[in-house]
């Protein structure tokens, strides 16, 4: 039941022309610079743009094609905006119940209690929405959207209007949504760290066009795309918690390319986790690591290199089934004779648990 979108929208000098397909479940990022058409695309999918040509299909249900177009109220969509849209004269519980009244129930729908637990809303149910913080209001808006029993959830920069503290408090709830929801979610954000943490698939946009789409780490580590360059270039690695060293307050993780030590995590042994490894935290060596404070080292193969400024290059590495990036100087490239196909060792100075 994948989501297929092939639409065109023209507004004055701006033209949106996109064609892509996303998985039937999980978070998919719509990522690109401001003004590239991400919000317009969400509105077109929701039926809110008046002059849209093309097709929108989810599974075997066609919402729009050349012969017909479902109006917005007949599209089973949940829509979460940058600013929460709530009824100020109702309390939190009644705002949530309003969402539940919008759609017919189904066996797969989350019920009221499940949504309240998922989003941590139990202590807020009797409160007026007028007294909620920005993060609390956004959680209620998300709950309202989920209780409408959508087949597709659209989230348009839901964290962008929040301060850093509120954002950090809301992210764990989105993590849990990512694990539990069995529907596709299209998630718009300008924050690469947010996208890497929450999404498994990406649609990359620029100037009203889809540049490419696919697995998020495959796109993050493509040297012909902008995300692989600059200070925030990173890779997402899938790993398993193997155990904990209580004495040193560390956890041992394993992935297809080797083992990693990270600051102790709360997850139990056997739990699957996602890790962020930034390019500037990866160095390269000709020999295995010895006599160093760096704890993490594993064999890699050089796949590709590309210039990244006057004095540096970005290197694409293969470690087992995972792809990583390293940032090294041109001098290091010359002295170590770094070139595609060469076997080396990655020295990793920092690893962050995403979720």
Protein backbone atom coordinates (compact mmCIF):
# COMPACT_ATOMS: atom_id res chain seq x y z
CA UNK A 1 0.00 0.00 0.00
CA UNK A 2 2.57 2.55 -1.09
CA UNK A 3 1.81 6.23 -1.62
CA UNK A 4 2.21 7.40 -5.23
CA UNK A 5 2.24 11.12 -6.02
CA UNK A 6 2.59 12.63 -9.49
CA UNK A 7 1.30 16.21 -9.40
CA UNK A 8 1.82 19.60 -11.00
CA UNK A 9 0.90 22.96 -9.48
CA UNK A 10 1.54 26.39 -11.01
CA UNK A 11 1.46 29.62 -8.99
CA UNK A 12 2.64 32.65 -10.91
CA UNK A 13 6.32 32.10 -11.67
CA UNK A 14 6.56 29.03 -9.41
CA UNK A 15 5.86 25.56 -10.75
CA UNK A 16 5.72 22.39 -8.66
CA UNK A 17 6.25 19.23 -10.70
CA UNK A 18 6.84 16.12 -8.63
CA UNK A 19 6.65 12.36 -9.08
CA UNK A 20 7.64 9.94 -6.34
CA UNK A 21 6.57 6.90 -4.34
CA UNK A 22 7.03 6.32 -0.62
CA UNK A 23 6.71 3.22 1.58
CA UNK A 24 3.40 2.05 3.02
CA UNK A 25 4.47 2.80 6.58
CA UNK A 26 7.08 4.77 8.50
CA UNK A 27 8.27 8.37 8.37
CA UNK A 28 9.36 9.81 5.02
CA UNK A 29 11.13 13.18 5.05
CA UNK A 30 10.31 15.89 2.53
CA UNK A 31 13.60 17.78 2.65
CA UNK A 32 14.93 20.76 0.78
CA UNK A 33 15.61 24.51 1.00
CA UNK A 34 12.97 27.07 1.91
CA UNK A 35 10.64 27.85 -0.97
CA UNK A 36 11.26 24.60 -2.84
CA UNK A 37 7.59 23.56 -2.63
CA UNK A 38 7.36 21.19 0.34
CA UNK A 39 4.30 22.79 1.93
CA UNK A 40 2.64 23.26 -1.46
CA UNK A 41 3.17 19.57 -2.12
CA UNK A 42 1.50 18.61 1.18
CA UNK A 43 -1.43 20.88 0.38
CA UNK A 44 -1.76 19.33 -3.07
CA UNK A 45 -1.85 15.83 -1.57
CA UNK A 46 -4.48 16.95 0.94
CA UNK A 47 -6.63 18.46 -1.81
CA UNK A 48 -6.20 22.01 -0.51
CA UNK A 49 -4.55 23.44 -3.63
CA UNK A 50 -7.18 24.55 -6.16
CA UNK A 51 -5.28 24.01 -9.41
CA UNK A 52 -3.58 20.63 -9.24
CA UNK A 53 -3.05 18.27 -12.15
CA UNK A 54 -1.87 14.68 -11.97
CA UNK A 55 -2.49 11.70 -9.70
CA UNK A 56 -2.50 11.02 -5.97
CA UNK A 57 -2.93 7.37 -4.98
CA UNK A 58 -2.56 5.43 -1.74
CA UNK A 59 -2.67 1.69 -2.22
CA UNK A 60 -5.59 0.93 -4.52
CA UNK A 61 -7.47 4.13 -3.62
CA UNK A 62 -7.13 6.97 -6.12
CA UNK A 63 -7.74 10.38 -4.56
CA UNK A 64 -7.09 12.29 -7.76
CA UNK A 65 -6.46 11.63 -11.42
CA UNK A 66 -7.49 13.07 -14.77
CA UNK A 67 -11.10 11.91 -14.37
CA UNK A 68 -11.97 12.75 -10.75
CA UNK A 69 -10.79 14.49 -7.61
CA UNK A 70 -11.84 13.73 -4.04
CA UNK A 71 -12.52 16.89 -2.02
CA UNK A 72 -10.33 17.42 1.07
CA UNK A 73 -12.97 16.25 3.58
CA UNK A 74 -13.23 12.87 1.84
CA UNK A 75 -9.49 12.18 1.90
CA UNK A 76 -8.56 10.13 5.01
CA UNK A 77 -5.65 12.40 5.92
CA UNK A 78 -4.36 13.70 9.23
CA UNK A 79 -2.66 17.10 8.90
CA UNK A 80 -0.38 18.61 11.56
CA UNK A 81 0.62 22.21 10.87
CA UNK A 82 3.52 24.33 12.15
CA UNK A 83 1.10 26.10 14.49
CA UNK A 84 -1.41 23.81 16.27
CA UNK A 85 -5.01 24.27 15.11
CA UNK A 86 -7.17 23.63 18.19
CA UNK A 87 -10.58 24.73 19.46
CA UNK A 88 -9.90 27.25 22.21
CA UNK A 89 -13.38 26.86 23.78
CA UNK A 90 -12.84 23.11 24.33
CA UNK A 91 -10.59 21.31 26.77
CA UNK A 92 -7.92 18.85 25.65
CA UNK A 93 -10.17 15.79 25.88
CA UNK A 94 -12.89 17.38 23.75
CA UNK A 95 -10.34 18.50 21.16
CA UNK A 96 -9.17 14.89 20.91
CA UNK A 97 -12.74 13.56 20.70
CA UNK A 98 -13.38 15.99 17.85
CA UNK A 99 -10.67 14.23 15.86
CA UNK A 100 -12.24 10.85 16.64
CA UNK A 101 -15.61 12.01 15.31
CA UNK A 102 -14.21 12.96 11.92
CA UNK A 103 -13.69 9.44 10.59
CA UNK A 104 -15.30 6.02 10.73
CA UNK A 105 -13.53 3.55 12.99
CA UNK A 106 -11.50 0.63 11.69
CA UNK A 107 -9.83 -2.38 13.25
CA UNK A 108 -6.38 -0.83 12.78
CA UNK A 109 -7.23 2.59 14.22
CA UNK A 110 -5.66 3.76 17.46
CA UNK A 111 -8.30 4.29 20.13
CA UNK A 112 -8.54 7.24 22.51
CA UNK A 113 -6.62 5.56 25.35
CA UNK A 114 -3.82 4.43 23.03
CA UNK A 115 -3.31 7.93 21.64
CA UNK A 116 -3.38 9.47 25.12
CA UNK A 117 -0.71 7.01 26.26
CA UNK A 118 1.38 7.36 23.10
CA UNK A 119 1.57 11.15 23.43
CA UNK A 120 1.61 11.44 27.23
CA UNK A 121 -1.64 13.41 27.41
CA UNK A 122 -3.29 11.85 30.48
CA UNK A 123 -2.45 14.76 32.80
CA UNK A 124 -3.68 17.33 30.27
CA UNK A 125 -7.14 15.98 29.41
CA UNK A 126 -9.16 18.34 31.63
CA UNK A 127 -7.07 21.42 30.92
CA UNK A 128 -8.10 24.26 28.64
CA UNK A 129 -5.98 24.42 25.52
CA UNK A 130 -5.50 28.14 26.18
CA UNK A 131 -3.10 27.34 29.02
CA UNK A 132 -0.97 24.78 27.20
CA UNK A 133 2.66 25.31 26.24
CA UNK A 134 3.64 25.18 22.58
CA UNK A 135 4.89 21.61 22.87
CA UNK A 136 1.78 20.46 24.75
CA UNK A 137 -0.48 22.09 22.15
CA UNK A 138 1.39 20.35 19.35
CA UNK A 139 1.00 16.97 21.08
CA UNK A 140 -2.75 17.55 21.30
CA UNK A 141 -2.86 18.51 17.61
CA UNK A 142 -0.98 15.32 16.70
CA UNK A 143 -3.38 13.28 18.84
CA UNK A 144 -6.35 14.90 17.15
CA UNK A 145 -4.92 14.00 13.75
CA UNK A 146 -4.23 10.38 14.76
CA UNK A 147 -7.74 9.92 16.17
CA UNK A 148 -9.22 10.88 12.80
CA UNK A 149 -8.02 7.41 11.68
CA UNK A 150 -5.96 8.64 8.72
CA UNK A 151 -4.51 6.45 6.00
CA UNK A 152 -1.79 9.10 5.58
CA UNK A 153 -0.40 11.59 8.10
CA UNK A 154 1.06 14.90 6.88
CA UNK A 155 3.33 16.82 9.28
CA UNK A 156 4.47 20.27 8.15
CA UNK A 157 7.46 21.32 10.29
CA UNK A 158 5.70 20.43 13.57
CA UNK A 159 8.74 21.45 15.67
CA UNK A 160 9.77 24.64 13.89
CA UNK A 161 7.70 27.00 16.06
CA UNK A 162 8.97 25.51 19.33
CA UNK A 163 11.90 26.63 21.45
CA UNK A 164 14.78 24.21 21.97
CA UNK A 165 13.48 22.93 25.32
CA UNK A 166 9.98 22.24 23.97
CA UNK A 167 11.45 20.65 20.87
CA UNK A 168 13.61 18.28 22.90
CA UNK A 169 10.59 17.29 25.02
CA UNK A 170 8.42 16.54 21.99
CA UNK A 171 10.98 14.53 20.01
CA UNK A 172 10.72 11.37 22.18
CA UNK A 173 6.97 11.23 21.47
CA UNK A 174 7.70 11.40 17.74
CA UNK A 175 10.27 8.63 18.23
CA UNK A 176 7.55 6.46 19.73
CA UNK A 177 5.15 7.32 16.90
CA UNK A 178 7.81 6.27 14.42
CA UNK A 179 8.00 2.87 16.13
CA UNK A 180 4.27 2.28 16.57
CA UNK A 181 2.40 3.78 13.62
CA UNK A 182 1.46 1.43 10.79
CA UNK A 183 0.63 4.23 8.34
CA UNK A 184 2.82 6.37 6.08
CA UNK A 185 3.87 9.77 7.43
CA UNK A 186 5.17 12.59 5.23
CA UNK A 187 7.34 14.78 7.46
CA UNK A 188 8.59 18.23 6.43
CA UNK A 189 11.59 19.70 8.24
CA UNK A 190 14.59 21.94 7.59
CA UNK A 191 16.56 20.32 10.42
CA UNK A 192 18.82 17.54 9.17
CA UNK A 193 19.36 16.14 12.68
CA UNK A 194 15.59 15.87 13.11
CA UNK A 195 15.19 14.13 9.76
CA UNK A 196 18.01 11.68 10.49
CA UNK A 197 16.51 10.85 13.87
CA UNK A 198 12.92 10.28 12.82
CA UNK A 199 12.78 9.17 9.20
CA UNK A 200 13.87 6.11 7.26
CA UNK A 201 13.10 7.41 3.76
CA UNK A 202 13.70 10.79 2.13
CA UNK A 203 12.29 12.75 -0.79
CA UNK A 204 14.82 15.47 -1.66
CA UNK A 205 13.37 18.58 -3.31
CA UNK A 206 14.70 21.73 -4.93
CA UNK A 207 12.98 24.48 -6.92
CA UNK A 208 9.68 22.62 -7.20
CA UNK A 209 11.23 19.35 -8.35
CA UNK A 210 12.04 16.03 -6.72
CA UNK A 211 15.79 15.57 -7.10
CA UNK A 212 15.80 11.99 -5.83
CA UNK A 213 14.24 9.75 -3.21
CA UNK A 214 15.21 6.62 -1.30
CA UNK A 215 16.65 5.19 1.91
CA UNK A 216 17.76 8.05 4.12
CA UNK A 217 21.32 6.86 4.72
CA UNK A 218 21.83 6.13 1.04
CA UNK A 219 20.96 9.77 0.32
CA UNK A 220 22.84 11.27 3.28
CA UNK A 221 26.06 9.60 2.11
CA UNK A 222 25.79 10.33 -1.63
CA UNK A 223 28.66 12.67 -2.46
CA UNK A 224 26.76 14.23 -5.36
CA UNK A 225 24.09 15.54 -2.96
CA UNK A 226 24.45 18.57 -0.66
CA UNK A 227 23.79 16.73 2.64
CA UNK A 228 27.15 14.93 2.39
CA UNK A 229 29.04 18.23 2.55
CA UNK A 230 29.45 20.87 5.22
CA UNK A 231 29.91 20.50 8.96
CA UNK A 232 26.72 18.54 9.60
CA UNK A 233 27.38 15.74 7.10
CA UNK A 234 26.58 12.44 8.76
CA UNK A 235 25.61 8.81 8.33
CA UNK A 236 22.89 6.78 10.03
CA UNK A 237 24.04 3.33 11.17
CA UNK A 238 21.82 0.46 12.33
CA UNK A 239 23.18 -1.43 15.33
CA UNK A 240 22.24 -3.86 18.10
CA UNK A 241 22.88 -3.37 21.82
CA UNK A 242 25.15 -6.20 22.97
CA UNK A 243 25.64 -5.32 26.62
CA UNK A 244 26.73 -2.77 29.19
CA UNK A 245 29.94 -2.11 31.09
CA UNK A 246 28.76 -0.74 34.43
CA UNK A 247 32.26 0.03 35.64
CA UNK A 248 33.03 2.35 32.72
CA UNK A 249 29.40 3.42 32.15
CA UNK A 250 29.59 2.33 28.50
CA UNK A 251 27.43 0.20 26.24
CA UNK A 252 28.74 -2.13 23.55
CA UNK A 253 26.93 -2.11 20.22
CA UNK A 254 27.49 -4.23 17.14
CA UNK A 255 26.77 -3.50 13.50
CA UNK A 256 27.63 -5.27 10.28
CA UNK A 257 31.04 -3.55 10.15
CA UNK A 258 32.22 -4.19 13.71
CA UNK A 259 31.64 -3.15 17.32
CA UNK A 260 31.21 0.27 18.92
CA UNK A 261 31.45 1.62 22.45
CA UNK A 262 29.08 4.47 23.34
CA UNK A 263 28.08 6.23 26.58
CA UNK A 264 25.78 3.87 28.44
CA UNK A 265 22.27 3.65 26.99
CA UNK A 266 19.06 2.55 28.70
CA UNK A 267 18.12 0.03 26.01
CA UNK A 268 18.47 -3.64 26.95
CA UNK A 269 20.69 -6.17 25.18
CA UNK A 270 19.25 -7.23 21.83
CA UNK A 271 17.52 -3.90 21.17
CA UNK A 272 17.91 -2.45 17.67
CA UNK A 273 19.06 1.19 17.65
CA UNK A 274 19.99 3.85 15.11
CA UNK A 275 23.21 5.81 15.45
CA UNK A 276 24.51 9.08 14.03
CA UNK A 277 28.17 9.24 13.03
CA UNK A 278 29.25 12.64 11.72
CA UNK A 279 31.87 12.90 8.99
CA UNK A 280 34.07 15.23 11.06
CA UNK A 281 34.21 12.58 13.83
CA UNK A 282 35.74 9.95 11.53
CA UNK A 283 39.48 9.73 10.82
CA UNK A 284 41.29 7.21 8.64
CA UNK A 285 44.36 5.09 9.38
CA UNK A 286 46.46 2.45 7.64
CA UNK A 287 46.67 0.19 10.71
CA UNK A 288 44.29 -0.94 13.46
CA UNK A 289 43.99 1.45 16.38
CA UNK A 290 46.41 0.95 19.31
CA UNK A 291 47.57 3.15 22.16
CA UNK A 292 44.89 5.81 21.77
CA UNK A 293 42.02 7.27 23.78
CA UNK A 294 39.74 6.68 20.79
CA UNK A 295 37.67 3.58 21.59
CA UNK A 296 36.15 2.79 18.22
CA UNK A 297 38.02 1.44 15.21
CA UNK A 298 36.96 -0.95 12.45
CA UNK A 299 38.02 -1.86 8.90
CA UNK A 300 36.55 0.05 5.96
CA UNK A 301 36.95 0.23 2.21
CA UNK A 302 37.27 3.56 0.39
CA UNK A 303 34.38 3.86 -2.08
CA UNK A 304 34.55 7.42 -3.41
CA UNK A 305 36.05 10.84 -2.71
CA UNK A 306 35.00 14.38 -3.48
CA UNK A 307 36.42 17.86 -2.85
CA UNK A 308 34.88 19.69 0.11
CA UNK A 309 36.51 23.10 0.27
CA UNK A 310 40.05 24.21 -0.54
CA UNK A 311 41.83 22.02 2.02
CA UNK A 312 39.51 19.06 2.63
CA UNK A 313 37.87 16.11 0.96
CA UNK A 314 34.86 14.01 1.94
CA UNK A 315 35.39 10.26 1.68
CA UNK A 316 32.63 7.67 1.32
CA UNK A 317 33.39 4.47 3.21
CA UNK A 318 31.93 0.97 3.28
CA UNK A 319 31.89 -0.88 6.62
CA UNK A 320 30.06 -4.17 6.27
CA UNK A 321 26.59 -3.29 4.98
CA UNK A 322 26.79 0.28 6.26
CA UNK A 323 28.00 3.41 4.48
CA UNK A 324 29.81 6.17 6.37
CA UNK A 325 31.51 9.48 5.61
CA UNK A 326 34.90 10.80 6.70
CA UNK A 327 36.30 14.32 6.42
CA UNK A 328 40.07 14.46 5.89
CA UNK A 329 42.58 17.02 4.66
CA UNK A 330 44.13 16.92 1.22
CA UNK A 331 47.48 16.48 2.93
CA UNK A 332 46.22 13.33 4.68
CA UNK A 333 44.87 12.03 1.39
CA UNK A 334 48.25 12.49 -0.23
CA UNK A 335 50.36 11.09 2.61
CA UNK A 336 48.11 8.06 3.22
CA UNK A 337 47.48 7.54 -0.50
CA UNK A 338 43.74 7.41 0.05
CA UNK A 339 41.98 6.24 -3.12
CA UNK A 340 38.89 4.21 -4.10
CA UNK A 341 39.20 0.51 -3.37
CA UNK A 342 41.83 0.91 -0.66
CA UNK A 343 41.36 -0.98 2.63
CA UNK A 344 41.83 1.24 5.70
CA UNK A 345 40.63 1.63 9.28
CA UNK A 346 38.05 4.14 10.48
CA UNK A 347 38.74 5.81 13.83
CA UNK A 348 35.48 7.15 15.25
CA UNK A 349 35.70 9.85 17.89
CA UNK A 350 31.97 10.36 18.49
CA UNK A 351 28.77 8.33 18.13
CA UNK A 352 25.28 9.56 19.05
CA UNK A 353 22.20 7.44 19.67
CA UNK A 354 19.33 8.69 17.52
CA UNK A 355 16.42 6.73 18.96
